[in-house]
Amino acid sequence: MIATLIPAAGSVALFAALAYAIDIIGLTRLAMALSRKFGAVRGLLFACVMRKSWMSAHAAAFHALPSHTDRDYYAFGSGPLGLLFLPGALVAHEAYAPVLRALSEASGATVVCARLPHRHPIILDEASVHALLSRFPHVHSWAIGGHSMGAGRFGAAGLVRPLRESGARVAGLLMWAGAASGGLDLSGEHSLPTLALLGTEDPLVHLEGKAEDGTSILDGVTKLLPRGATYELVRGGNHAGFGHYGPQRFPIRDGERRVSLEEQQRQVVRHSARFLRGLDMR
């Protein structure tokens, strides 16, 4: 009897370890979320491809993390203005610790980096965002920001209307290597300062390029964003240089930076800190 149970127990343990290693629950949730847009078969296929394409943080990024981190986020600073930051799809949230720490120090803002379920903003629901914001009662108003897909329709830009309609004080929108696309049109939003930063060497989100749905990136950072939105070019910067990860090969190969990673992020911090310091928190 015992001899029979040992192999069975081993099989159960192996299955449990495998399920944990590939995050089968998260993978299923991602596939279900994607299936609503692409259908069940393609949704599952895309989920598996995305899971295989996860991008890890550089070892140096972990040294910039705060001494205390939460399961769902990490944060820097304690100012009355907050920035909720959503990582790019597939990218480990730790990859943004160096640039977000520098941004908090330069702007005085409380900067909160969310840990996205299965590294994808598409399955981050509004209730989870509200629960996260409630963890910072000292913050009077929030800017919403993100990188790549974490900045666009499924990320920061897509959260603007739901958060405002629920009564949250959204003071600004900060987009790194992201643009409005996929039918998202925020041109009717009022009193929402918006800044988009685009790398000149970024082929994924290039000022002269097209979004995945065929719309113009230029339109996506001007016409489809709130009135008065501005964009800045990060000279010599590529897509992955907004964080400490890479190389970026999905969905296409990234361009080569023409400046150092440190210089790219200095530009990102300079533009972003100026934007945050200028927000009206009344």
Protein backbone atom coordinates (compact mmCIF):
# COMPACT_ATOMS: atom_id res chain seq x y z
CA MET A 1 0.00 0.00 0.00
CA ILE A 2 2.76 2.45 1.00
CA ALA A 3 4.76 1.49 -2.08
CA THR A 4 1.72 2.33 -4.22
CA LEU A 5 1.18 5.73 -2.57
CA ILE A 6 4.79 6.91 -2.93
CA PRO A 7 4.71 7.21 -6.77
CA ALA A 8 1.27 8.86 -6.59
CA ALA A 9 2.51 11.38 -4.03
CA GLY A 10 5.54 12.04 -6.18
CA SER A 11 3.34 12.71 -9.21
CA VAL A 12 1.16 15.11 -7.23
CA ALA A 13 4.23 16.94 -5.94
CA LEU A 14 5.68 17.14 -9.45
CA PHE A 15 2.42 18.51 -10.84
CA ALA A 16 2.17 21.07 -8.02
CA ALA A 17 5.76 22.20 -8.59
CA LEU A 18 5.15 22.51 -12.33
CA ALA A 19 1.91 24.45 -11.80
CA TYR A 20 3.71 26.82 -9.44
CA ALA A 21 6.66 27.27 -11.78
CA ILE A 22 4.53 28.30 -14.77
CA ASP A 23 1.91 30.11 -12.63
CA ILE A 24 -0.90 28.09 -14.16
CA ILE A 25 -3.58 30.17 -12.40
CA GLY A 26 -2.12 33.42 -13.70
CA LEU A 27 -1.67 31.89 -17.14
CA THR A 28 -5.31 30.82 -17.19
CA ARG A 29 -6.47 34.28 -16.12
CA LEU A 30 -4.34 35.89 -18.82
CA ALA A 31 -5.66 33.48 -21.47
CA MET A 32 -9.24 34.22 -20.43
CA ALA A 33 -8.63 37.97 -20.56
CA LEU A 34 -7.01 37.74 -23.98
CA SER A 35 -9.74 35.45 -25.29
CA ARG A 36 -12.29 38.24 -24.87
CA LYS A 37 -10.42 40.15 -27.59
CA PHE A 38 -8.84 37.42 -29.71
CA GLY A 39 -11.01 34.34 -29.15
CA ALA A 40 -10.30 31.29 -27.00
CA VAL A 41 -7.69 29.58 -29.19
CA ARG A 42 -5.64 32.65 -30.03
CA GLY A 43 -6.04 33.95 -26.47
CA LEU A 44 -4.46 30.76 -25.10
CA LEU A 45 -1.74 30.82 -27.76
CA PHE A 46 -0.88 34.46 -27.07
CA ALA A 47 -0.83 33.79 -23.32
CA CYS A 48 1.65 30.93 -23.75
CA VAL A 49 3.87 33.00 -26.06
CA MET A 50 3.81 35.92 -23.64
CA ARG A 51 4.63 33.68 -20.68
CA LYS A 52 7.63 32.34 -22.57
CA SER A 53 8.71 35.91 -23.36
CA TRP A 54 8.92 37.19 -19.78
CA MET A 55 11.80 39.64 -19.33
CA SER A 56 13.78 39.62 -16.09
CA ALA A 57 15.27 42.58 -14.26
CA HIS A 58 19.00 43.18 -14.34
CA ALA A 59 20.74 42.24 -11.11
CA ALA A 60 21.59 45.91 -10.48
CA ALA A 61 17.89 46.79 -10.28
CA PHE A 62 17.38 44.79 -7.10
CA HIS A 63 19.90 46.98 -5.26
CA ALA A 64 17.61 49.98 -5.80
CA LEU A 65 14.55 48.36 -4.21
CA PRO A 66 13.37 49.80 -0.89
CA SER A 67 14.17 47.88 2.27
CA HIS A 68 10.50 46.90 2.60
CA THR A 69 8.55 45.55 -0.37
CA ASP A 70 4.98 44.34 -0.47
CA ARG A 71 3.65 41.37 -2.42
CA ASP A 72 1.69 43.71 -4.71
CA TYR A 73 3.93 46.77 -4.96
CA TYR A 74 6.98 48.68 -3.82
CA ALA A 75 7.13 52.41 -3.16
CA PHE A 76 9.51 55.32 -2.76
CA GLY A 77 8.98 58.67 -1.03
CA SER A 78 6.21 60.12 1.11
CA GLY A 79 5.01 63.25 -0.69
CA PRO A 80 1.35 64.34 -1.00
CA LEU A 81 1.41 63.74 -4.75
CA GLY A 82 1.53 60.11 -5.81
CA LEU A 83 2.50 58.41 -9.04
CA LEU A 84 1.02 54.97 -9.61
CA PHE A 85 3.30 53.28 -12.13
CA LEU A 86 2.39 50.23 -14.20
CA PRO A 87 5.28 48.19 -15.70
CA GLY A 88 5.41 47.19 -19.33
CA ALA A 89 3.84 43.87 -20.28
CA LEU A 90 6.03 40.84 -19.56
CA VAL A 91 8.63 42.91 -17.68
CA ALA A 92 9.51 42.16 -14.04
CA HIS A 93 8.37 45.09 -11.91
CA GLU A 94 11.73 45.17 -10.12
CA ALA A 95 13.32 46.37 -13.37
CA TYR A 96 11.99 49.89 -12.79
CA ALA A 97 13.33 50.34 -9.26
CA PRO A 98 16.41 52.45 -10.18
CA VAL A 99 14.58 54.94 -12.40
CA LEU A 100 11.55 55.18 -10.10
CA ARG A 101 13.73 55.74 -7.03
CA ALA A 102 15.52 58.55 -8.89
CA LEU A 103 12.19 60.00 -10.03
CA SER A 104 10.80 60.04 -6.49
CA GLU A 105 13.91 61.81 -5.22
CA ALA A 106 13.85 64.37 -8.04
CA SER A 107 10.12 65.14 -7.87
CA GLY A 108 9.30 64.68 -4.17
CA ALA A 109 6.39 62.42 -5.14
CA THR A 110 5.37 59.13 -3.62
CA VAL A 111 6.08 56.70 -6.44
CA VAL A 112 4.31 53.34 -6.28
CA CYS A 113 5.17 50.55 -8.70
CA ALA A 114 2.43 47.93 -9.03
CA ARG A 115 3.16 44.24 -9.47
CA LEU A 116 0.96 43.25 -12.40
CA PRO A 117 -0.84 39.89 -12.34
CA HIS A 118 1.10 37.58 -14.62
CA ARG A 119 3.14 40.60 -15.74
CA HIS A 120 0.35 41.99 -17.86
CA PRO A 121 -1.83 45.10 -17.34
CA ILE A 122 -4.80 43.57 -19.16
CA ILE A 123 -5.80 41.60 -16.05
CA LEU A 124 -5.26 44.39 -13.52
CA ASP A 125 -8.79 45.29 -12.48
CA GLU A 126 -10.05 48.62 -11.18
CA ALA A 127 -10.86 47.22 -7.73
CA SER A 128 -7.24 46.15 -7.27
CA VAL A 129 -6.07 49.62 -8.25
CA HIS A 130 -8.37 51.27 -5.72
CA ALA A 131 -7.20 48.86 -3.03
CA LEU A 132 -3.60 49.75 -3.82
CA LEU A 133 -4.22 53.50 -3.75
CA SER A 134 -5.96 53.18 -0.39
CA ARG A 135 -2.70 51.93 1.10
CA PHE A 136 -1.36 55.50 0.86
CA PRO A 137 -3.77 57.78 2.77
CA HIS A 138 -1.20 60.60 2.89
CA VAL A 139 -1.40 61.01 -0.91
CA HIS A 140 -3.88 63.76 -1.83
CA SER A 141 -3.91 63.24 -5.59
CA TRP A 142 -2.46 60.79 -8.06
CA ALA A 143 -0.75 60.83 -11.41
CA ILE A 144 -1.16 57.58 -13.31
CA GLY A 145 1.79 56.38 -15.37
CA GLY A 146 3.35 53.39 -17.02
CA HIS A 147 5.72 52.01 -19.61
CA SER A 148 4.80 50.55 -22.98
CA MET A 149 1.56 48.58 -22.69
CA GLY A 150 1.44 49.67 -19.05
CA ALA A 151 1.06 53.23 -20.34
CA GLY A 152 -1.60 52.73 -23.00
CA ARG A 153 -5.13 51.45 -23.42
CA PHE A 154 -4.72 48.47 -21.07
CA GLY A 155 -2.62 50.44 -18.58
CA ALA A 156 -2.43 53.99 -17.27
CA ALA A 157 -4.32 55.72 -20.08
CA GLY A 158 -7.13 53.17 -19.88
CA LEU A 159 -7.50 53.75 -16.13
CA VAL A 160 -8.08 57.49 -16.37
CA ARG A 161 -11.82 57.46 -16.98
CA PRO A 162 -12.74 54.60 -14.60
CA LEU A 163 -10.74 56.15 -11.76
CA ARG A 164 -12.15 59.63 -12.33
CA GLU A 165 -15.70 58.29 -12.54
CA SER A 166 -15.22 56.52 -9.22
CA GLY A 167 -14.15 59.76 -7.56
CA ALA A 168 -10.38 59.30 -7.48
CA ARG A 169 -8.33 62.48 -7.80
CA VAL A 170 -6.34 61.92 -11.00
CA ALA A 171 -4.02 64.89 -11.48
CA GLY A 172 -2.01 63.75 -14.50
CA LEU A 173 -1.08 61.04 -16.98
CA LEU A 174 2.55 60.06 -17.60
CA MET A 175 3.32 57.71 -20.51
CA TRP A 176 6.73 56.17 -21.19
CA ALA A 177 7.04 54.61 -24.65
CA GLY A 178 3.27 54.38 -24.95
CA ALA A 179 0.45 55.98 -26.93
CA ALA A 180 -3.34 55.97 -27.09
CA SER A 181 -4.52 53.30 -29.55
CA GLY A 182 -6.99 50.46 -29.88
CA GLY A 183 -10.00 52.79 -29.94
CA LEU A 184 -9.01 54.71 -26.82
CA ASP A 185 -9.74 58.43 -27.21
CA LEU A 186 -9.07 60.73 -24.26
CA SER A 187 -9.36 63.97 -26.22
CA GLY A 188 -12.57 64.79 -24.34
CA GLU A 189 -10.93 64.57 -20.90
CA HIS A 190 -10.55 67.98 -19.29
CA SER A 191 -7.92 69.32 -16.90
CA LEU A 192 -5.65 66.32 -17.27
CA PRO A 193 -2.02 67.31 -17.88
CA THR A 194 -0.39 64.56 -19.93
CA LEU A 195 3.20 63.87 -20.90
CA ALA A 196 4.38 61.16 -23.30
CA LEU A 197 8.07 60.25 -23.56
CA LEU A 198 9.28 58.45 -26.68
CA GLY A 199 12.75 57.06 -27.38
CA THR A 200 14.23 58.09 -30.71
CA GLU A 201 15.69 54.59 -31.20
CA ASP A 202 12.53 52.73 -30.14
CA PRO A 203 11.01 50.82 -33.10
CA LEU A 204 8.08 49.54 -31.01
CA VAL A 205 6.63 52.98 -30.25
CA HIS A 206 8.28 55.43 -32.63
CA LEU A 207 6.93 58.92 -33.29
CA GLU A 208 6.82 58.24 -37.03
CA GLY A 209 5.51 54.68 -36.68
CA LYS A 210 2.22 52.87 -36.32
CA ALA A 211 0.53 51.22 -33.35
CA GLU A 212 -0.55 47.57 -33.55
CA ASP A 213 -4.02 48.61 -34.74
CA GLY A 214 -2.53 50.70 -37.56
CA THR A 215 -3.15 54.11 -36.00
CA SER A 216 -0.43 56.73 -36.06
CA ILE A 217 1.78 56.98 -32.97
CA LEU A 218 1.90 60.75 -33.53
CA ASP A 219 -1.91 60.88 -33.37
CA GLY A 220 -1.73 58.61 -30.32
CA VAL A 221 0.34 61.14 -28.36
CA THR A 222 -1.41 64.27 -29.63
CA LYS A 223 -4.92 63.99 -31.05
CA LEU A 224 -6.10 61.05 -28.92
CA LEU A 225 -4.77 62.35 -25.59
CA PRO A 226 -6.30 65.13 -23.47
CA ARG A 227 -6.13 68.68 -24.81
CA GLY A 228 -2.76 70.25 -24.10
CA ALA A 229 -0.92 66.92 -23.93
CA THR A 230 2.77 67.19 -24.74
CA TYR A 231 5.42 64.75 -25.82
CA GLU A 232 9.18 64.76 -25.42
CA LEU A 233 11.81 62.74 -27.25
CA VAL A 234 14.37 60.80 -25.23
CA ARG A 235 17.39 61.35 -27.44
CA GLY A 236 19.23 58.13 -28.22
CA GLY A 237 16.87 56.07 -26.06
CA ASN A 238 15.31 52.72 -26.95
CA HIS A 239 12.33 50.77 -25.58
CA ALA A 240 14.02 48.70 -22.87
CA GLY A 241 16.08 51.66 -21.65
CA PHE A 242 13.11 52.97 -19.67
CA GLY A 243 13.88 50.17 -17.21
CA HIS A 244 16.72 47.86 -16.18
CA TYR A 245 15.94 44.80 -18.27
CA GLY A 246 16.46 43.48 -21.76
CA PRO A 247 17.31 42.95 -24.44
CA GLN A 248 13.75 43.41 -25.71
CA ARG A 249 12.91 40.94 -28.48
CA PHE A 250 9.11 40.73 -28.20
CA PRO A 251 6.96 41.54 -30.11
CA ILE A 252 9.85 42.82 -32.29
CA ARG A 253 13.54 43.38 -31.68
CA ASP A 254 14.36 46.63 -29.93
CA GLY A 255 16.63 49.28 -31.41
CA GLU A 256 20.14 49.95 -30.13
CA ARG A 257 20.55 52.77 -27.63
CA ARG A 258 22.84 55.57 -28.81
CA VAL A 259 23.41 56.72 -25.25
CA SER A 260 24.20 54.86 -22.04
CA LEU A 261 21.39 53.38 -19.99
CA GLU A 262 22.22 55.91 -17.26
CA GLU A 263 21.94 58.83 -19.70
CA GLN A 264 18.63 57.62 -21.08
CA GLN A 265 17.17 57.34 -17.63
CA ARG A 266 18.55 60.75 -16.63
CA GLN A 267 16.54 62.22 -19.50
CA VAL A 268 13.46 60.23 -18.47
CA VAL A 269 13.75 61.38 -14.85
CA ARG A 270 14.38 65.01 -15.81
CA HIS A 271 11.29 65.26 -18.06
CA SER A 272 9.09 63.22 -15.72
CA ALA A 273 10.10 65.08 -12.53
CA ARG A 274 9.45 68.46 -14.15
CA PHE A 275 6.02 67.21 -15.21
CA LEU A 276 5.13 65.90 -11.74
CA ARG A 277 6.33 69.04 -9.96
CA GLY A 278 4.06 71.10 -12.20
CA LEU A 279 0.83 69.25 -11.42
CA ASP A 280 -2.00 71.07 -9.67
CA MET A 281 -2.87 69.20 -6.46
CA ARG A 282 -5.81 71.37 -5.38
